[in-house]
Amino acid sequence: LSNVVMACSRAATTAQLREVGGLYDRLRSRVMEQMPGMAAEPLLGIFLAAPSLLEFTEADTLIATNALALHLPSLGTAELARCLLACARAELVHKPFLLPLFHHLHKKR
């Protein structure tokens, strides 16, 4: 699922996804269903691409960060930096996620 979202974000716009017979709605609902139980790497890929491609609301973005927060201790420096990039792309300023993220980044340095 993560690979599909990443590929769509590179090859299509939200408007183009909407034009393809229900693809936008099915992809968005599938992402929202599966996000809470995803492994770290696919979840990070979705967090990087989906907020803009699938027009996440703030609540949707918080669901992604809550799911990703569980994986922060096991992520390496590169993945933590990608989390920070994803937050910037999503224009997310959510202290309960960012503080642990910066803590783990500092520990990995």
PDB file of N, CA and C in Angstrom:
ATOM      1  N   LEU A   1       0.826  -1.193   0.000  1.00  0.00           N
ATOM      2  CA  LEU A   1       0.000   0.000   0.000  1.00  0.00           C
ATOM      3  C   LEU A   1       0.868   1.254   0.000  1.00  0.00           C
ATOM      4  N   SER A   2       1.915   1.226   0.774  1.00  0.00           N
ATOM      5  CA  SER A   2       2.831   2.361   0.833  1.00  0.00           C
ATOM      6  C   SER A   2       3.445   2.630  -0.531  1.00  0.00           C
ATOM      7  N   ASN A   3       3.841   1.573  -1.227  1.00  0.00           N
ATOM      8  CA  ASN A   3       4.435   1.736  -2.555  1.00  0.00           C
ATOM      9  C   ASN A   3       3.443   2.351  -3.542  1.00  0.00           C
ATOM     10  N   VAL A   4       2.182   1.975  -3.430  1.00  0.00           N
ATOM     11  CA  VAL A   4       1.157   2.524  -4.310  1.00  0.00           C
ATOM     12  C   VAL A   4       0.977   4.014  -4.039  1.00  0.00           C
ATOM     13  N   VAL A   5       0.909   4.386  -2.762  1.00  0.00           N
ATOM     14  CA  VAL A   5       0.745   5.796  -2.402  1.00  0.00           C
ATOM     15  C   VAL A   5       1.947   6.609  -2.872  1.00  0.00           C
ATOM     16  N   MET A   6       3.151   6.081  -2.655  1.00  0.00           N
ATOM     17  CA  MET A   6       4.358   6.795  -3.084  1.00  0.00           C
ATOM     18  C   MET A   6       4.386   6.942  -4.610  1.00  0.00           C
ATOM     19  N   ALA A   7       4.045   5.884  -5.335  1.00  0.00           N
ATOM     20  CA  ALA A   7       4.045   5.944  -6.796  1.00  0.00           C
ATOM     21  C   ALA A   7       3.004   6.943  -7.300  1.00  0.00           C
ATOM     22  N   CYS A   8       1.832   6.926  -6.698  1.00  0.00           N
ATOM     23  CA  CYS A   8       0.790   7.873  -7.103  1.00  0.00           C
ATOM     24  C   CYS A   8       1.210   9.309  -6.814  1.00  0.00           C
ATOM     25  N   SER A   9       1.892   9.521  -5.705  1.00  0.00           N
ATOM     26  CA  SER A   9       2.305  10.887  -5.364  1.00  0.00           C
ATOM     27  C   SER A   9       3.354  11.413  -6.343  1.00  0.00           C
ATOM     28  N   ARG A  10       4.127  10.513  -6.923  1.00  0.00           N
ATOM     29  CA  ARG A  10       5.154  10.919  -7.884  1.00  0.00           C
ATOM     30  C   ARG A  10       4.602  11.079  -9.294  1.00  0.00           C
ATOM     31  N   ALA A  11       3.547  10.335  -9.609  1.00  0.00           N
ATOM     32  CA  ALA A  11       3.069  10.291 -10.990  1.00  0.00           C
ATOM     33  C   ALA A  11       1.759  11.033 -11.231  1.00  0.00           C
ATOM     34  N   ALA A  12       1.047  11.374 -10.169  1.00  0.00           N
ATOM     35  CA  ALA A  12      -0.276  11.965 -10.371  1.00  0.00           C
ATOM     36  C   ALA A  12      -0.563  13.037  -9.329  1.00  0.00           C
ATOM     37  N   THR A  13      -1.511  13.871  -9.655  1.00  0.00           N
ATOM     38  CA  THR A  13      -1.991  14.862  -8.706  1.00  0.00           C
ATOM     39  C   THR A  13      -3.272  14.343  -8.072  1.00  0.00           C
ATOM     40  N   THR A  14      -3.729  15.023  -7.059  1.00  0.00           N
ATOM     41  CA  THR A  14      -4.988  14.646  -6.427  1.00  0.00           C
ATOM     42  C   THR A  14      -6.127  14.705  -7.441  1.00  0.00           C
ATOM     43  N   ALA A  15      -6.143  15.730  -8.258  1.00  0.00           N
ATOM     44  CA  ALA A  15      -7.191  15.867  -9.278  1.00  0.00           C
ATOM     45  C   ALA A  15      -7.169  14.697 -10.257  1.00  0.00           C
ATOM     46  N   GLN A  16      -5.981  14.270 -10.654  1.00  0.00           N
ATOM     47  CA  GLN A  16      -5.881  13.137 -11.577  1.00  0.00           C
ATOM     48  C   GLN A  16      -6.362  11.852 -10.913  1.00  0.00           C
ATOM     49  N   LEU A  17      -6.073  11.671  -9.631  1.00  0.00           N
ATOM     50  CA  LEU A  17      -6.553  10.480  -8.920  1.00  0.00           C
ATOM     51  C   LEU A  17      -8.075  10.467  -8.854  1.00  0.00           C
ATOM     52  N   ARG A  18      -8.654  11.631  -8.664  1.00  0.00           N
ATOM     53  CA  ARG A  18     -10.125  11.723  -8.581  1.00  0.00           C
ATOM     54  C   ARG A  18     -10.781  11.370  -9.917  1.00  0.00           C
ATOM     55  N   GLU A  19     -10.092  11.604 -11.007  1.00  0.00           N
ATOM     56  CA  GLU A  19     -10.638  11.323 -12.340  1.00  0.00           C
ATOM     57  C   GLU A  19     -10.679   9.829 -12.653  1.00  0.00           C
ATOM     58  N   VAL A  20      -9.885   9.047 -11.965  1.00  0.00           N
ATOM     59  CA  VAL A  20      -9.801   7.604 -12.242  1.00  0.00           C
ATOM     60  C   VAL A  20     -10.803   6.876 -11.361  1.00  0.00           C
ATOM     61  N   GLY A  21     -11.960   6.594 -11.893  1.00  0.00           N
ATOM     62  CA  GLY A  21     -13.062   5.859 -11.288  1.00  0.00           C
ATOM     63  C   GLY A  21     -12.951   5.430  -9.839  1.00  0.00           C
ATOM     64  N   GLY A  22     -13.005   6.336  -8.920  1.00  0.00           N
ATOM     65  CA  GLY A  22     -13.039   6.007  -7.501  1.00  0.00           C
ATOM     66  C   GLY A  22     -11.705   5.665  -6.878  1.00  0.00           C
ATOM     67  N   LEU A  23     -10.619   5.811  -7.614  1.00  0.00           N
ATOM     68  CA  LEU A  23      -9.299   5.455  -7.080  1.00  0.00           C
ATOM     69  C   LEU A  23      -8.961   6.285  -5.846  1.00  0.00           C
ATOM     70  N   TYR A  24      -9.203   7.575  -5.916  1.00  0.00           N
ATOM     71  CA  TYR A  24      -8.885   8.459  -4.787  1.00  0.00           C
ATOM     72  C   TYR A  24      -9.596   7.988  -3.515  1.00  0.00           C
ATOM     73  N   ASP A  25     -10.907   7.778  -3.607  1.00  0.00           N
ATOM     74  CA  ASP A  25     -11.688   7.399  -2.426  1.00  0.00           C
ATOM     75  C   ASP A  25     -11.284   6.033  -1.882  1.00  0.00           C
ATOM     76  N   ARG A  26     -11.069   5.077  -2.773  1.00  0.00           N
ATOM     77  CA  ARG A  26     -10.675   3.735  -2.317  1.00  0.00           C
ATOM     78  C   ARG A  26      -9.287   3.735  -1.701  1.00  0.00           C
ATOM     79  N   LEU A  27      -8.359   4.464  -2.310  1.00  0.00           N
ATOM     80  CA  LEU A  27      -7.002   4.537  -1.782  1.00  0.00           C
ATOM     81  C   LEU A  27      -6.997   5.232  -0.424  1.00  0.00           C
ATOM     82  N   ARG A  28      -7.720   6.322  -0.321  1.00  0.00           N
ATOM     83  CA  ARG A  28      -7.776   7.070   0.938  1.00  0.00           C
ATOM     84  C   ARG A  28      -8.384   6.215   2.055  1.00  0.00           C
ATOM     85  N   SER A  29      -9.488   5.535   1.771  1.00  0.00           N
ATOM     86  CA  SER A  29     -10.118   4.718   2.815  1.00  0.00           C
ATOM     87  C   SER A  29      -9.228   3.541   3.208  1.00  0.00           C
ATOM     88  N   ARG A  30      -8.541   2.960   2.246  1.00  0.00           N
ATOM     89  CA  ARG A  30      -7.628   1.844   2.542  1.00  0.00           C
ATOM     90  C   ARG A  30      -6.475   2.300   3.433  1.00  0.00           C
ATOM     91  N   VAL A  31      -5.914   3.472   3.117  1.00  0.00           N
ATOM     92  CA  VAL A  31      -4.826   4.029   3.930  1.00  0.00           C
ATOM     93  C   VAL A  31      -5.312   4.271   5.356  1.00  0.00           C
ATOM     94  N   MET A  32      -6.480   4.885   5.496  1.00  0.00           N
ATOM     95  CA  MET A  32      -6.997   5.201   6.825  1.00  0.00           C
ATOM     96  C   MET A  32      -7.297   3.935   7.631  1.00  0.00           C
ATOM     97  N   GLU A  33      -7.760   2.885   6.965  1.00  0.00           N
ATOM     98  CA  GLU A  33      -8.045   1.612   7.639  1.00  0.00           C
ATOM     99  C   GLU A  33      -6.777   0.934   8.133  1.00  0.00           C
ATOM    100  N   GLN A  34      -5.752   0.919   7.304  1.00  0.00           N
ATOM    101  CA  GLN A  34      -4.561   0.126   7.600  1.00  0.00           C
ATOM    102  C   GLN A  34      -3.485   0.875   8.367  1.00  0.00           C
ATOM    103  N   MET A  35      -3.546   2.184   8.385  1.00  0.00           N
ATOM    104  CA  MET A  35      -2.473   2.980   8.984  1.00  0.00           C
ATOM    105  C   MET A  35      -2.182   2.635  10.448  1.00  0.00           C
ATOM    106  N   PRO A  36      -3.193   2.486  11.310  1.00  0.00           N
ATOM    107  CA  PRO A  36      -2.869   2.230  12.717  1.00  0.00           C
ATOM    108  C   PRO A  36      -2.052   0.963  12.988  1.00  0.00           C
ATOM    109  N   GLY A  37      -2.153  -0.052  12.160  1.00  0.00           N
ATOM    110  CA  GLY A  37      -1.433  -1.291  12.421  1.00  0.00           C
ATOM    111  C   GLY A  37      -0.212  -1.527  11.545  1.00  0.00           C
ATOM    112  N   MET A  38       0.197  -0.529  10.794  1.00  0.00           N
ATOM    113  CA  MET A  38       1.302  -0.704   9.852  1.00  0.00           C
ATOM    114  C   MET A  38       2.662  -0.761  10.527  1.00  0.00           C
ATOM    115  N   ALA A  39       3.586  -1.411   9.856  1.00  0.00           N
ATOM    116  CA  ALA A  39       4.990  -1.413  10.287  1.00  0.00           C
ATOM    117  C   ALA A  39       5.575  -0.028  10.019  1.00  0.00           C
ATOM    118  N   ALA A  40       6.716   0.238  10.608  1.00  0.00           N
ATOM    119  CA  ALA A  40       7.313   1.571  10.566  1.00  0.00           C
ATOM    120  C   ALA A  40       7.630   2.061   9.155  1.00  0.00           C
ATOM    121  N   GLU A  41       8.285   1.248   8.351  1.00  0.00           N
ATOM    122  CA  GLU A  41       8.744   1.707   7.033  1.00  0.00           C
ATOM    123  C   GLU A  41       7.590   2.060   6.095  1.00  0.00           C
ATOM    124  N   PRO A  42       6.581   1.193   5.936  1.00  0.00           N
ATOM    125  CA  PRO A  42       5.467   1.584   5.075  1.00  0.00           C
ATOM    126  C   PRO A  42       4.685   2.778   5.628  1.00  0.00           C
ATOM    127  N   LEU A  43       4.560   2.836   6.931  1.00  0.00           N
ATOM    128  CA  LEU A  43       3.854   3.950   7.557  1.00  0.00           C
ATOM    129  C   LEU A  43       4.575   5.268   7.300  1.00  0.00           C
ATOM    130  N   LEU A  44       5.878   5.238   7.362  1.00  0.00           N
ATOM    131  CA  LEU A  44       6.661   6.436   7.088  1.00  0.00           C
ATOM    132  C   LEU A  44       6.496   6.874   5.633  1.00  0.00           C
ATOM    133  N   GLY A  45       6.478   5.931   4.709  1.00  0.00           N
ATOM    134  CA  GLY A  45       6.246   6.260   3.303  1.00  0.00           C
ATOM    135  C   GLY A  45       4.890   6.912   3.096  1.00  0.00           C
ATOM    136  N   ILE A  46       3.894   6.392   3.766  1.00  0.00           N
ATOM    137  CA  ILE A  46       2.555   6.969   3.660  1.00  0.00           C
ATOM    138  C   ILE A  46       2.529   8.356   4.297  1.00  0.00           C
ATOM    139  N   PHE A  47       3.192   8.513   5.440  1.00  0.00           N
ATOM    140  CA  PHE A  47       3.211   9.812   6.118  1.00  0.00           C
ATOM    141  C   PHE A  47       3.931  10.866   5.276  1.00  0.00           C
ATOM    142  N   LEU A  48       4.873  10.453   4.474  1.00  0.00           N
ATOM    143  CA  LEU A  48       5.574  11.392   3.594  1.00  0.00           C
ATOM    144  C   LEU A  48       4.693  11.844   2.420  1.00  0.00           C
ATOM    145  N   ALA A  49       3.894  10.950   1.871  1.00  0.00           N
ATOM    146  CA  ALA A  49       3.173  11.260   0.638  1.00  0.00           C
ATOM    147  C   ALA A  49       1.681  11.544   0.807  1.00  0.00           C
ATOM    148  N   ALA A  50       1.032  10.838   1.701  1.00  0.00           N
ATOM    149  CA  ALA A  50      -0.429  10.882   1.758  1.00  0.00           C
ATOM    150  C   ALA A  50      -1.040  12.203   2.221  1.00  0.00           C
ATOM    151  N   PRO A  51      -0.465  12.915   3.184  1.00  0.00           N
ATOM    152  CA  PRO A  51      -1.159  14.138   3.625  1.00  0.00           C
ATOM    153  C   PRO A  51      -1.489  15.111   2.497  1.00  0.00           C
ATOM    154  N   SER A  52      -0.599  15.282   1.539  1.00  0.00           N
ATOM    155  CA  SER A  52      -0.907  16.192   0.440  1.00  0.00           C
ATOM    156  C   SER A  52      -1.678  15.481  -0.677  1.00  0.00           C
ATOM    157  N   LEU A  53      -1.280  14.262  -1.009  1.00  0.00           N
ATOM    158  CA  LEU A  53      -1.925  13.535  -2.101  1.00  0.00           C
ATOM    159  C   LEU A  53      -3.373  13.198  -1.781  1.00  0.00           C
ATOM    160  N   LEU A  54      -3.626  12.737  -0.567  1.00  0.00           N
ATOM    161  CA  LEU A  54      -4.967  12.302  -0.171  1.00  0.00           C
ATOM    162  C   LEU A  54      -5.684  13.342   0.675  1.00  0.00           C
ATOM    163  N   GLU A  55      -5.148  14.550   0.673  1.00  0.00           N
ATOM    164  CA  GLU A  55      -5.758  15.688   1.354  1.00  0.00           C
ATOM    165  C   GLU A  55      -6.172  15.361   2.791  1.00  0.00           C
ATOM    166  N   PHE A  56      -5.197  14.932   3.567  1.00  0.00           N
ATOM    167  CA  PHE A  56      -5.460  14.616   4.967  1.00  0.00           C
ATOM    168  C   PHE A  56      -5.920  15.853   5.721  1.00  0.00           C
ATOM    169  N   THR A  57      -6.881  15.655   6.588  1.00  0.00           N
ATOM    170  CA  THR A  57      -7.255  16.695   7.531  1.00  0.00           C
ATOM    171  C   THR A  57      -6.233  16.667   8.668  1.00  0.00           C
ATOM    172  N   GLU A  58      -6.330  17.618   9.553  1.00  0.00           N
ATOM    173  CA  GLU A  58      -5.427  17.612  10.709  1.00  0.00           C
ATOM    174  C   GLU A  58      -5.645  16.354  11.542  1.00  0.00           C
ATOM    175  N   ALA A  59      -6.885  15.940  11.694  1.00  0.00           N
ATOM    176  CA  ALA A  59      -7.195  14.721  12.455  1.00  0.00           C
ATOM    177  C   ALA A  59      -6.585  13.488  11.790  1.00  0.00           C
ATOM    178  N   ASP A  60      -6.638  13.416  10.463  1.00  0.00           N
ATOM    179  CA  ASP A  60      -6.036  12.293   9.734  1.00  0.00           C
ATOM    180  C   ASP A  60      -4.524  12.263   9.948  1.00  0.00           C
ATOM    181  N   THR A  61      -3.922  13.430   9.891  1.00  0.00           N
ATOM    182  CA  THR A  61      -2.472  13.528  10.094  1.00  0.00           C
ATOM    183  C   THR A  61      -2.103  13.109  11.508  1.00  0.00           C
ATOM    184  N   LEU A  62      -2.928  13.457  12.473  1.00  0.00           N
ATOM    185  CA  LEU A  62      -2.656  13.051  13.856  1.00  0.00           C
ATOM    186  C   LEU A  62      -2.781  11.538  14.033  1.00  0.00           C
ATOM    187  N   ILE A  63      -3.670  10.915  13.301  1.00  0.00           N
ATOM    188  CA  ILE A  63      -3.766   9.447  13.336  1.00  0.00           C
ATOM    189  C   ILE A  63      -2.454   8.847  12.840  1.00  0.00           C
ATOM    190  N   ALA A  64      -1.909   9.416  11.768  1.00  0.00           N
ATOM    191  CA  ALA A  64      -0.633   8.935  11.229  1.00  0.00           C
ATOM    192  C   ALA A  64       0.491   9.140  12.233  1.00  0.00           C
ATOM    193  N   THR A  65       0.545  10.310  12.866  1.00  0.00           N
ATOM    194  CA  THR A  65       1.626  10.564  13.824  1.00  0.00           C
ATOM    195  C   THR A  65       1.497   9.676  15.054  1.00  0.00           C
ATOM    196  N   ASN A  66       0.279   9.427  15.506  1.00  0.00           N
ATOM    197  CA  ASN A  66       0.096   8.540  16.657  1.00  0.00           C
ATOM    198  C   ASN A  66       0.561   7.127  16.343  1.00  0.00           C
ATOM    199  N   ALA A  67       0.268   6.665  15.138  1.00  0.00           N
ATOM    200  CA  ALA A  67       0.727   5.333  14.729  1.00  0.00           C
ATOM    201  C   ALA A  67       2.244   5.306  14.608  1.00  0.00           C
ATOM    202  N   LEU A  68       2.812   6.361  14.051  1.00  0.00           N
ATOM    203  CA  LEU A  68       4.260   6.426  13.851  1.00  0.00           C
ATOM    204  C   LEU A  68       5.006   6.622  15.168  1.00  0.00           C
ATOM    205  N   ALA A  69       4.400   7.295  16.117  1.00  0.00           N
ATOM    206  CA  ALA A  69       5.055   7.548  17.406  1.00  0.00           C
ATOM    207  C   ALA A  69       5.443   6.249  18.112  1.00  0.00           C
ATOM    208  N   LEU A  70       4.665   5.215  17.912  1.00  0.00           N
ATOM    209  CA  LEU A  70       4.966   3.923  18.534  1.00  0.00           C
ATOM    210  C   LEU A  70       6.269   3.330  18.019  1.00  0.00           C
ATOM    211  N   HIS A  71       6.676   3.720  16.816  1.00  0.00           N
ATOM    212  CA  HIS A  71       7.869   3.168  16.178  1.00  0.00           C
ATOM    213  C   HIS A  71       9.121   4.027  16.379  1.00  0.00           C
ATOM    214  N   LEU A  72       8.987   5.225  16.933  1.00  0.00           N
ATOM    215  CA  LEU A  72      10.128   6.138  17.033  1.00  0.00           C
ATOM    216  C   LEU A  72      11.363   5.516  17.687  1.00  0.00           C
ATOM    217  N   PRO A  73      11.224   4.781  18.801  1.00  0.00           N
ATOM    218  CA  PRO A  73      12.428   4.231  19.437  1.00  0.00           C
ATOM    219  C   PRO A  73      13.224   3.268  18.546  1.00  0.00           C
ATOM    220  N   SER A  74      12.560   2.614  17.624  1.00  0.00           N
ATOM    221  CA  SER A  74      13.254   1.626  16.790  1.00  0.00           C
ATOM    222  C   SER A  74      13.763   2.202  15.470  1.00  0.00           C
ATOM    223  N   LEU A  75      13.466   3.453  15.180  1.00  0.00           N
ATOM    224  CA  LEU A  75      13.892   4.043  13.909  1.00  0.00           C
ATOM    225  C   LEU A  75      15.324   4.538  13.991  1.00  0.00           C
ATOM    226  N   GLY A  76      16.012   4.471  12.864  1.00  0.00           N
ATOM    227  CA  GLY A  76      17.370   4.997  12.768  1.00  0.00           C
ATOM    228  C   GLY A  76      17.342   6.485  12.477  1.00  0.00           C
ATOM    229  N   THR A  77      18.509   7.070  12.405  1.00  0.00           N
ATOM    230  CA  THR A  77      18.625   8.511  12.187  1.00  0.00           C
ATOM    231  C   THR A  77      17.980   8.946  10.869  1.00  0.00           C
ATOM    232  N   ALA A  78      18.203   8.192   9.808  1.00  0.00           N
ATOM    233  CA  ALA A  78      17.642   8.557   8.498  1.00  0.00           C
ATOM    234  C   ALA A  78      16.112   8.544   8.536  1.00  0.00           C
ATOM    235  N   GLU A  79      15.542   7.529   9.166  1.00  0.00           N
ATOM    236  CA  GLU A  79      14.088   7.441   9.247  1.00  0.00           C
ATOM    237  C   GLU A  79      13.517   8.555  10.124  1.00  0.00           C
ATOM    238  N   LEU A  80      14.210   8.889  11.207  1.00  0.00           N
ATOM    239  CA  LEU A  80      13.757   9.982  12.068  1.00  0.00           C
ATOM    240  C   LEU A  80      13.799  11.312  11.317  1.00  0.00           C
ATOM    241  N   ALA A  81      14.829  11.490  10.506  1.00  0.00           N
ATOM    242  CA  ALA A  81      14.918  12.710   9.698  1.00  0.00           C
ATOM    243  C   ALA A  81      13.782  12.751   8.672  1.00  0.00           C
ATOM    244  N   ARG A  82      13.431  11.606   8.115  1.00  0.00           N
ATOM    245  CA  ARG A  82      12.295  11.550   7.186  1.00  0.00           C
ATOM    246  C   ARG A  82      10.987  11.875   7.899  1.00  0.00           C
ATOM    247  N   CYS A  83      10.871  11.483   9.157  1.00  0.00           N
ATOM    248  CA  CYS A  83       9.687  11.848   9.952  1.00  0.00           C
ATOM    249  C   CYS A  83       9.596  13.360  10.088  1.00  0.00           C
ATOM    250  N   LEU A  84      10.723  13.982  10.351  1.00  0.00           N
ATOM    251  CA  LEU A  84      10.758  15.433  10.487  1.00  0.00           C
ATOM    252  C   LEU A  84      10.391  16.106   9.160  1.00  0.00           C
ATOM    253  N   LEU A  85      10.905  15.585   8.058  1.00  0.00           N
ATOM    254  CA  LEU A  85      10.554  16.098   6.737  1.00  0.00           C
ATOM    255  C   LEU A  85       9.055  15.943   6.480  1.00  0.00           C
ATOM    256  N   ALA A  86       8.503  14.802   6.838  1.00  0.00           N
ATOM    257  CA  ALA A  86       7.069  14.567   6.643  1.00  0.00           C
ATOM    258  C   ALA A  86       6.234  15.547   7.463  1.00  0.00           C
ATOM    259  N   CYS A  87       6.684  15.852   8.671  1.00  0.00           N
ATOM    260  CA  CYS A  87       5.978  16.843   9.499  1.00  0.00           C
ATOM    261  C   CYS A  87       5.996  18.210   8.821  1.00  0.00           C
ATOM    262  N   ALA A  88       7.122  18.573   8.273  1.00  0.00           N
ATOM    263  CA  ALA A  88       7.229  19.861   7.582  1.00  0.00           C
ATOM    264  C   ALA A  88       6.327  19.895   6.353  1.00  0.00           C
ATOM    265  N   ARG A  89       6.317  18.815   5.585  1.00  0.00           N
ATOM    266  CA  ARG A  89       5.455  18.756   4.400  1.00  0.00           C
ATOM    267  C   ARG A  89       3.982  18.856   4.765  1.00  0.00           C
ATOM    268  N   ALA A  90       3.610  18.234   5.877  1.00  0.00           N
ATOM    269  CA  ALA A  90       2.214  18.240   6.321  1.00  0.00           C
ATOM    270  C   ALA A  90       1.879  19.497   7.117  1.00  0.00           C
ATOM    271  N   GLU A  91       2.884  20.355   7.306  1.00  0.00           N
ATOM    272  CA  GLU A  91       2.728  21.576   8.100  1.00  0.00           C
ATOM    273  C   GLU A  91       2.197  21.244   9.495  1.00  0.00           C
ATOM    274  N   LEU A  92       2.774  20.222  10.077  1.00  0.00           N
ATOM    275  CA  LEU A  92       2.342  19.729  11.372  1.00  0.00           C
ATOM    276  C   LEU A  92       3.216  20.285  12.481  1.00  0.00           C
ATOM    277  N   VAL A  93       2.579  20.900  13.453  1.00  0.00           N
ATOM    278  CA  VAL A  93       3.267  21.347  14.653  1.00  0.00           C
ATOM    279  C   VAL A  93       2.489  20.731  15.814  1.00  0.00           C
ATOM    280  N   HIS A  94       2.887  19.529  16.179  1.00  0.00           N
ATOM    281  CA  HIS A  94       2.177  18.762  17.207  1.00  0.00           C
ATOM    282  C   HIS A  94       3.199  18.328  18.251  1.00  0.00           C
ATOM    283  N   LYS A  95       3.246  19.071  19.344  1.00  0.00           N
ATOM    284  CA  LYS A  95       4.259  18.851  20.367  1.00  0.00           C
ATOM    285  C   LYS A  95       4.339  17.416  20.876  1.00  0.00           C
ATOM    286  N   PRO A  96       3.214  16.745  21.134  1.00  0.00           N
ATOM    287  CA  PRO A  96       3.306  15.360  21.620  1.00  0.00           C
ATOM    288  C   PRO A  96       4.019  14.402  20.670  1.00  0.00           C
ATOM    289  N   PHE A  97       4.110  14.759  19.388  1.00  0.00           N
ATOM    290  CA  PHE A  97       4.870  13.938  18.443  1.00  0.00           C
ATOM    291  C   PHE A  97       6.279  14.484  18.251  1.00  0.00           C
ATOM    292  N   LEU A  98       6.390  15.789  18.132  1.00  0.00           N
ATOM    293  CA  LEU A  98       7.691  16.392  17.826  1.00  0.00           C
ATOM    294  C   LEU A  98       8.698  16.271  18.971  1.00  0.00           C
ATOM    295  N   LEU A  99       8.252  16.405  20.200  1.00  0.00           N
ATOM    296  CA  LEU A  99       9.199  16.297  21.321  1.00  0.00           C
ATOM    297  C   LEU A  99       9.876  14.928  21.376  1.00  0.00           C
ATOM    298  N   PRO A 100       9.113  13.822  21.329  1.00  0.00           N
ATOM    299  CA  PRO A 100       9.784  12.519  21.290  1.00  0.00           C
ATOM    300  C   PRO A 100      10.641  12.331  20.036  1.00  0.00           C
ATOM    301  N   LEU A 101      10.188  12.883  18.920  1.00  0.00           N
ATOM    302  CA  LEU A 101      10.964  12.780  17.680  1.00  0.00           C
ATOM    303  C   LEU A 101      12.325  13.450  17.850  1.00  0.00           C
ATOM    304  N   PHE A 102      12.337  14.671  18.365  1.00  0.00           N
ATOM    305  CA  PHE A 102      13.605  15.364  18.586  1.00  0.00           C
ATOM    306  C   PHE A 102      14.450  14.662  19.650  1.00  0.00           C
ATOM    307  N   HIS A 103      13.799  14.107  20.665  1.00  0.00           N
ATOM    308  CA  HIS A 103      14.532  13.356  21.696  1.00  0.00           C
ATOM    309  C   HIS A 103      15.269  12.168  21.080  1.00  0.00           C
ATOM    310  N   HIS A 104      14.577  11.408  20.241  1.00  0.00           N
ATOM    311  CA  HIS A 104      15.205  10.228  19.611  1.00  0.00           C
ATOM    312  C   HIS A 104      16.267  10.637  18.603  1.00  0.00           C
ATOM    313  N   LEU A 105      16.041  11.736  17.903  1.00  0.00           N
ATOM    314  CA  LEU A 105      17.082  12.244  16.992  1.00  0.00           C
ATOM    315  C   LEU A 105      18.332  12.628  17.769  1.00  0.00           C
ATOM    316  N   HIS A 106      18.145  13.282  18.895  1.00  0.00           N
ATOM    317  CA  HIS A 106      19.278  13.704  19.719  1.00  0.00           C
ATOM    318  C   HIS A 106      20.042  12.481  20.265  1.00  0.00           C
ATOM    319  N   LYS A 107      19.298  11.450  20.687  1.00  0.00           N
ATOM    320  CA  LYS A 107      19.936  10.237  21.206  1.00  0.00           C
ATOM    321  C   LYS A 107      20.744   9.503  20.140  1.00  0.00           C
ATOM    322  N   LYS A 108      20.286   9.566  18.893  1.00  0.00           N
ATOM    323  CA  LYS A 108      20.969   8.818  17.818  1.00  0.00           C
ATOM    324  C   LYS A 108      22.198   9.534  17.293  1.00  0.00           C
ATOM    325  N   ARG A 109      22.356  10.805  17.596  1.00  0.00           N
ATOM    326  CA  ARG A 109      23.499  11.564  17.079  1.00  0.00           C
ATOM    327  C   ARG A 109      24.803  11.037  17.560  1.00  0.00           C
TER     328      ARG A 109
END
